[in-house]
Protein backbone atom coordinates (compact mmCIF):
# COMPACT_ATOMS: atom_id res chain seq x y z
CA MET A 1 -0.02 0.16 -0.20
CA LEU A 2 1.54 3.43 -1.22
CA PRO A 3 1.09 6.62 1.43
CA ASN A 4 -1.85 8.59 -0.36
CA ASP A 5 0.09 10.54 -2.84
CA LEU A 6 2.10 11.95 0.00
CA ILE A 7 5.14 14.50 -0.12
CA SER A 8 3.76 17.63 -0.86
CA PRO A 9 0.82 15.92 -3.40
CA GLY A 10 1.12 17.91 -7.00
CA ARG A 11 4.81 17.65 -6.57
CA PHE A 12 6.02 13.69 -6.06
CA HIS A 13 3.29 10.61 -7.04
CA LEU A 14 4.62 7.55 -6.07
CA ILE A 15 4.71 4.75 -8.13
CA ARG A 16 5.88 1.79 -6.27
CA GLN A 17 7.99 0.51 -3.56
CA ILE A 18 11.63 -0.16 -4.49
CA ALA A 19 12.96 -1.26 -0.94
CA ARG A 20 12.10 -1.36 2.64
CA GLY A 21 15.42 -0.44 5.70
CA GLY A 22 15.20 -0.37 9.10
CA MET A 23 14.66 3.34 9.22
CA ALA A 24 13.09 4.06 6.19
CA THR A 25 11.16 2.60 2.86
CA VAL A 26 12.00 3.97 -0.53
CA TYR A 27 9.97 4.19 -3.55
CA GLU A 28 10.14 4.85 -6.88
CA ALA A 29 8.31 8.49 -7.72
CA GLU A 30 7.57 11.03 -10.15
CA GLN A 31 8.41 14.49 -9.54
CA ILE A 32 5.87 16.96 -11.08
CA GLY A 33 6.57 20.15 -12.92
CA ALA A 34 5.13 23.22 -14.91
CA GLU A 35 3.98 22.51 -18.18
CA GLY A 36 3.73 18.52 -18.24
CA PHE A 37 7.35 18.35 -16.38
CA ALA A 38 7.50 14.88 -15.13
CA LYS A 39 11.21 13.30 -13.96
CA ARG A 40 11.91 9.71 -12.55
CA MET A 41 13.31 9.70 -9.32
CA ALA A 42 13.53 7.94 -5.70
CA VAL A 43 12.22 8.62 -2.70
CA LYS A 44 13.14 7.32 0.57
CA LEU A 45 10.81 8.18 3.30
CA ILE A 46 11.24 7.77 6.91
CA HIS A 47 8.72 5.12 8.52
CA GLU A 48 5.79 6.54 10.52
CA GLN A 49 7.01 4.83 13.92
CA PHE A 50 9.97 6.67 13.71
CA ALA A 51 9.09 10.17 12.42
CA ALA A 52 8.93 11.96 15.87
CA TYR A 53 11.37 10.85 17.45
CA PRO A 54 14.50 13.22 17.58
CA GLU A 55 17.16 10.82 17.42
CA TRP A 56 15.99 8.47 14.02
CA ARG A 57 14.96 12.68 12.49
CA GLN A 58 18.61 13.37 13.07
CA LEU A 59 19.87 10.58 11.54
CA PHE A 60 17.90 11.46 8.75
CA ILE A 61 18.36 14.79 8.54
CA ASP A 62 22.70 14.18 8.52
CA GLU A 63 22.22 11.74 6.34
CA ALA A 64 20.78 13.86 3.72
CA LYS A 65 23.38 17.30 4.75
CA LEU A 66 25.97 14.83 4.49
CA SER A 67 25.63 12.77 1.14
CA ALA A 68 23.87 16.22 -0.90
CA ASN A 69 27.29 17.65 -2.04
CA LEU A 70 28.57 14.14 -2.46
CA VAL A 71 28.38 14.50 -6.06
CA HIS A 72 30.50 11.24 -7.73
CA GLY A 73 29.69 8.72 -10.61
CA ASN A 74 29.55 6.23 -7.80
CA ILE A 75 27.99 7.57 -5.20
CA VAL A 76 24.05 7.81 -5.57
CA GLN A 77 23.30 11.49 -5.56
CA ILE A 78 21.07 13.39 -3.33
CA TYR A 79 18.21 16.09 -4.57
CA GLN A 80 16.24 17.33 -1.50
CA LEU A 81 15.58 16.58 1.77
CA GLY A 82 12.20 17.98 2.42
CA GLU A 83 8.87 16.95 5.30
CA SER A 84 5.11 16.23 4.62
CA ASP A 85 2.90 15.77 7.64
CA GLY A 86 5.60 15.63 10.05
CA ARG A 87 7.19 12.91 7.84
CA LEU A 88 10.78 13.36 6.71
CA PHE A 89 11.42 12.12 3.03
CA ILE A 90 14.77 12.30 1.02
CA SER A 91 14.38 12.63 -2.92
CA MET A 92 16.93 10.69 -4.70
CA GLU A 93 18.85 9.64 -7.65
CA LEU A 94 16.84 6.74 -9.60
CA ILE A 95 19.08 3.86 -9.78
CA LYS A 96 17.64 1.24 -12.45
CA GLY A 97 19.32 -1.88 -12.17
CA LEU A 98 19.74 -3.86 -9.05
CA THR A 99 22.58 -4.15 -5.56
CA LEU A 100 25.60 -6.19 -5.39
CA ARG A 101 23.51 -8.62 -3.30
CA GLN A 102 21.55 -9.36 -5.98
CA LEU A 103 24.38 -10.05 -7.95
CA ILE A 104 26.16 -12.30 -5.60
CA ASN A 105 22.63 -14.32 -5.15
CA ALA A 106 22.11 -14.94 -8.53
CA HIS A 107 25.65 -16.85 -8.59
CA ARG A 108 25.51 -18.33 -5.48
CA ALA A 109 21.94 -19.83 -6.85
CA ARG A 110 23.58 -21.20 -10.06
CA ARG A 111 26.69 -22.54 -8.24
CA LEU A 112 28.45 -19.83 -10.67
CA PRO A 113 31.45 -17.83 -9.32
CA ILE A 114 31.94 -14.32 -10.28
CA PRO A 115 34.36 -13.57 -13.10
CA GLY A 116 37.45 -12.24 -10.84
CA HIS A 117 37.50 -9.10 -13.03
CA ILE A 118 33.76 -8.47 -12.07
CA ALA A 119 34.71 -8.88 -8.50
CA ALA A 120 37.44 -6.57 -8.33
CA TYR A 121 36.07 -3.52 -10.50
CA CYS A 122 32.93 -3.52 -8.64
CA ALA A 123 35.63 -3.31 -5.29
CA SER A 124 37.52 -1.12 -6.98
CA ARG A 125 34.63 1.64 -7.69
CA ILE A 126 33.44 1.24 -3.85
CA CYS A 127 36.80 2.36 -3.21
CA ARG A 128 36.50 5.28 -5.39
CA ALA A 129 33.50 6.28 -3.74
CA LEU A 130 34.80 6.10 -0.08
CA ASP A 131 38.14 7.88 -1.26
CA PHE A 132 35.96 10.96 -2.65
CA ALA A 133 33.78 10.83 0.85
CA HIS A 134 37.45 9.98 2.72
CA HIS A 135 38.75 13.52 1.58
CA PHE A 136 35.91 15.69 1.33
CA ALA A 137 36.10 19.04 1.96
CA ASP A 138 33.43 21.68 2.49
CA ASP A 139 32.91 25.15 0.90
CA ARG A 140 35.40 26.18 3.27
CA GLY A 141 38.30 23.67 2.53
CA THR A 142 37.69 21.81 5.89
CA HIS A 143 37.84 18.47 5.52
CA LEU A 144 34.84 16.46 6.71
CA ASP A 145 37.13 12.93 7.29
CA ILE A 146 32.97 11.19 6.40
CA VAL A 147 33.54 7.09 7.22
CA HIS A 148 30.28 5.36 5.54
CA ARG A 149 30.47 2.84 8.45
CA ASP A 150 27.62 0.75 6.57
CA VAL A 151 29.51 -0.69 3.39
CA SER A 152 27.81 -3.89 2.35
CA PRO A 153 26.50 -5.82 -0.67
CA GLY A 154 23.21 -4.16 -0.06
CA ASN A 155 24.43 -0.69 0.17
CA VAL A 156 25.69 -0.96 -3.63
CA MET A 157 24.19 -0.36 -6.71
CA LEU A 158 24.98 -1.71 -9.92
CA THR A 159 23.38 0.61 -12.78
CA TRP A 160 21.57 -2.10 -15.96
CA ASP A 161 24.53 -0.03 -18.16
CA GLY A 162 27.39 -1.42 -15.94
CA HIS A 163 28.15 1.45 -13.68
CA VAL A 164 28.60 0.93 -9.38
CA LYS A 165 27.15 3.20 -6.96
CA LEU A 166 27.35 3.20 -3.68
CA ALA A 167 24.48 4.50 -1.38
CA ASP A 168 23.08 4.67 1.93
CA PHE A 169 25.12 7.09 4.14
CA GLY A 170 22.55 7.04 6.65
CA ILE A 171 24.77 6.05 9.52
CA ALA A 172 27.75 8.04 8.03
CA LYS A 173 29.99 10.41 10.35
CA ALA A 174 31.74 13.70 9.57
CA ARG A 175 34.08 14.43 11.89
CA THR A 176 32.29 17.97 12.75
CA MET A 177 29.04 15.51 13.17
CA VAL A 178 27.91 14.41 16.85
CA ASP A 179 27.72 10.70 16.39
CA PRO A 180 23.98 9.13 17.02
CA SER A 181 25.68 5.94 17.68
CA ALA A 182 28.49 6.65 20.34
CA GLU A 183 26.46 5.34 23.07
CA ARG A 184 24.97 2.57 21.58
CA PRO A 185 27.74 1.55 18.72
CA PHE A 186 26.06 -2.13 17.94
CA LEU A 187 22.52 -0.84 17.00
CA LEU A 188 23.59 0.76 14.07
CA GLY A 189 25.59 -1.01 10.83
CA LYS A 190 25.62 -4.87 10.03
CA LYS A 191 28.00 -7.13 11.93
CA HIS A 192 29.33 -9.28 9.51
CA TYR A 193 30.76 -6.47 7.98
CA MET A 194 32.16 -4.02 10.60
CA SER A 195 35.58 -3.41 11.88
CA PRO A 196 37.02 -4.67 14.98
CA GLU A 197 37.06 -1.06 15.91
CA GLN A 198 33.21 -0.30 15.00
CA LEU A 199 32.35 -3.36 16.96
CA LEU A 200 34.18 -2.23 19.81
CA GLY A 201 32.21 0.65 19.74
CA GLN A 202 35.82 2.87 19.55
CA PHE A 203 36.68 5.69 17.02
CA VAL A 204 36.82 4.68 13.25
CA THR A 205 38.69 6.28 10.13
CA GLY A 206 38.34 5.29 6.69
CA ARG A 207 40.47 2.31 7.22
CA SER A 208 37.00 1.01 8.95
CA ASP A 209 35.01 1.53 5.50
CA VAL A 210 38.38 -0.48 3.44
CA PHE A 211 38.01 -3.36 6.58
CA SER A 212 34.27 -3.75 5.06
CA THR A 213 35.09 -3.12 1.87
CA GLY A 214 37.48 -6.39 2.44
CA VAL A 215 35.31 -8.85 3.53
CA VAL A 216 32.78 -7.35 0.67
CA LEU A 217 35.62 -7.92 -1.95
CA PHE A 218 36.23 -11.86 -0.03
CA GLU A 219 32.53 -12.44 -0.43
CA LEU A 220 32.18 -11.58 -4.22
CA PHE A 221 35.01 -14.13 -4.66
CA ALA A 222 33.87 -17.24 -2.15
CA LEU A 223 29.80 -16.00 -2.50
CA LYS A 224 29.50 -16.79 1.31
CA SER A 225 29.96 -14.44 4.19
CA LEU A 226 33.62 -14.43 6.12
CA PHE A 227 32.35 -13.59 9.69
CA THR A 228 28.93 -14.90 10.53
CA GLU A 229 28.36 -14.71 14.08
CA ASP A 230 25.12 -12.54 14.93
CA GLU A 231 24.79 -12.33 18.35
CA THR A 232 27.09 -9.11 19.54
CA LEU A 233 30.14 -10.96 22.09
CA ALA A 234 30.19 -13.80 19.66
CA ALA A 235 30.71 -11.79 16.66
CA ILE A 236 33.39 -9.69 18.33
CA ASP A 237 34.71 -13.02 19.31
CA GLU A 238 34.79 -13.87 15.55
CA VAL A 239 36.03 -10.53 14.51
CA VAL A 240 37.87 -8.74 16.88
CA LEU A 241 39.77 -12.13 19.36
CA GLY A 242 39.28 -14.94 16.76
CA PRO A 243 42.60 -15.75 14.53
CA SER A 244 42.66 -14.19 11.38
CA PRO A 245 41.53 -16.08 8.44
CA ASN A 246 43.19 -18.28 6.41
CA LEU A 247 42.51 -17.02 2.85
CA LEU A 248 44.82 -19.77 1.29
CA ASP A 249 42.18 -22.46 2.85
CA ALA A 250 39.24 -19.95 2.48
CA LEU A 251 39.56 -18.78 -1.12
CA PRO A 252 42.00 -21.95 -2.84
CA GLU A 253 40.94 -21.04 -6.18
CA VAL A 254 41.59 -17.79 -6.13
CA ASP A 255 44.88 -15.66 -7.32
CA PRO A 256 47.70 -15.50 -4.56
CA ALA A 257 48.21 -11.66 -5.52
CA MET A 258 44.52 -11.34 -4.79
CA GLN A 259 44.47 -12.77 -1.83
CA ARG A 260 46.72 -10.97 -0.49
CA LEU A 261 44.89 -7.94 -1.12
CA ILE A 262 41.84 -9.43 1.06
CA ALA A 263 44.10 -9.75 3.44
CA SER A 264 45.63 -6.41 3.61
CA ALA A 265 41.94 -5.05 3.48
CA ILE A 266 40.93 -7.06 6.37
CA HIS A 267 43.42 -6.25 8.76
CA LYS A 268 42.99 -6.31 12.19
CA GLU A 269 45.00 -3.16 12.63
CA ALA A 270 43.46 -0.55 10.87
CA SER A 271 46.87 1.04 10.43
CA GLU A 272 47.86 -2.00 8.35
CA ARG A 273 45.18 -1.60 6.01
CA PRO A 274 45.91 0.45 2.85
CA SER A 275 43.70 3.73 2.52
CA ALA A 276 40.69 3.11 -0.02
CA GLU A 277 42.35 4.88 -2.85
CA ALA A 278 45.58 2.66 -2.68
CA LEU A 279 43.25 -0.70 -2.25
CA GLY A 280 41.26 0.27 -5.72
CA LEU A 281 44.26 1.50 -7.50
CA SER A 282 46.08 -2.13 -6.60
CA LEU A 283 42.40 -3.85 -7.42
CA ASP A 284 42.34 -2.15 -11.26
CA ARG A 285 46.20 -3.33 -11.23
CA TRP A 286 45.55 -7.06 -10.59
CA CYS A 287 42.41 -6.34 -13.38
CA ALA A 288 44.98 -5.49 -15.58
CA ASP A 289 47.77 -7.76 -14.66
CA GLN A 290 45.01 -10.53 -15.51
CA GLY A 291 44.47 -9.21 -19.15
CA THR A 292 40.89 -8.25 -18.20
CA PRO A 293 40.78 -4.28 -17.22
CA GLY A 294 37.51 -4.08 -15.46
CA SER A 295 34.99 -0.90 -17.16
CA PRO A 296 31.29 -0.75 -17.45
CA ASP A 297 31.20 -2.15 -20.95
CA ARG A 298 32.23 -5.26 -19.40
CA LEU A 299 29.98 -5.75 -16.07
CA GLN A 300 27.37 -4.49 -18.38
CA ALA A 301 27.64 -7.46 -20.21
CA HIS A 302 27.95 -9.86 -17.58
CA LEU A 303 24.43 -8.19 -16.26
CA VAL A 304 22.70 -8.80 -19.67
CA GLU A 305 23.95 -12.42 -19.30
CA LEU A 306 22.84 -12.94 -16.14
CA PHE A 307 19.37 -10.90 -15.75
CA ARG A 308 18.78 -11.54 -19.38
CA ASP A 309 15.26 -12.15 -18.44
CA GLN A 310 14.74 -9.03 -15.17
CA ARG A 311 16.90 -6.59 -17.20
CA PRO A 312 14.70 -3.92 -19.27
CA PRO A 313 15.42 -2.98 -22.65
CA THR A 314 17.94 -0.54 -23.29
CA PRO A 315 20.02 1.63 -26.03
CA THR A 316 22.77 -0.83 -26.92
CA GLY A 317 24.69 1.98 -29.27
CA PRO A 318 28.07 2.52 -28.75
CA LEU A 319 27.55 5.68 -26.62
CA SER A 320 25.14 3.76 -24.29
CA ALA A 321 28.02 2.91 -20.92
CA ARG A 322 30.80 5.26 -22.29
CA SER A 323 30.10 7.79 -18.85
CA ASP A 324 32.75 5.77 -16.90
CA THR A 325 35.93 4.63 -19.37
CA GLY A 326 37.09 2.17 -16.69
CA ARG A 327 39.93 4.11 -16.00
């Protein structure tokens, strides 16, 4: 059931529900303007049960404010923060495609490994998005030191024309912001992708996002989760106190150079992990060394083959996937 043409009736028309998360629901919507103008976009609407709570409202507002100026080809673009009938909403770029989680699940169902250059390309583009966020500065030149804190396959979008976009800065934190989870470190985020320092509720930097990206990269090659404990104390034992995963045993068919890249990203000590920029460049070099550099064209072709019955028809001419050359 869609809300009754909410969000300022006459300005947005909700078409269908796209996704539902813990704090909000995302809809495909049509923005209505003068003289018959119409534009498709996504609208994220805070759940009614959270709309009146200041802490949840602040999380929602912080997401919009923090990510509105993160204009980058590998980040889902935020357009507007608004309120209607007491419920906050965010309008954003509508991604026509699927999530990285759906890609992993499709390969797992078919028992087919994801091609290495596709896995590495997706992870390298996550790194590009993170590097941009980690080094973002405001109009006064102040570096905000943004940490996403929720990098996971469900928050990475793949467009049908082969582009990778990081989404959902809902629990991201900048150095200049009050941390809404400071007293509740286990409430926000997904335990299976948290760094040791995030699980312990300690101060986190961009290297925490690198750890999460390393866990995602492992899953792209293994088609299974690296960490599996759901209960908080068990997760701490597994990630923080347990031995580092033996990637030679866990990924025996994977190139040793890639094993080393994953191992560096999931190092227990944050200072020993590469930056997002360094990891992304290493992944691109690895693809080049394999003779199959990642590119939108290759990802597009892979999605066409894998999701032939689900993908809507799109132009297939020589300019259809060229906004990112893969460099």
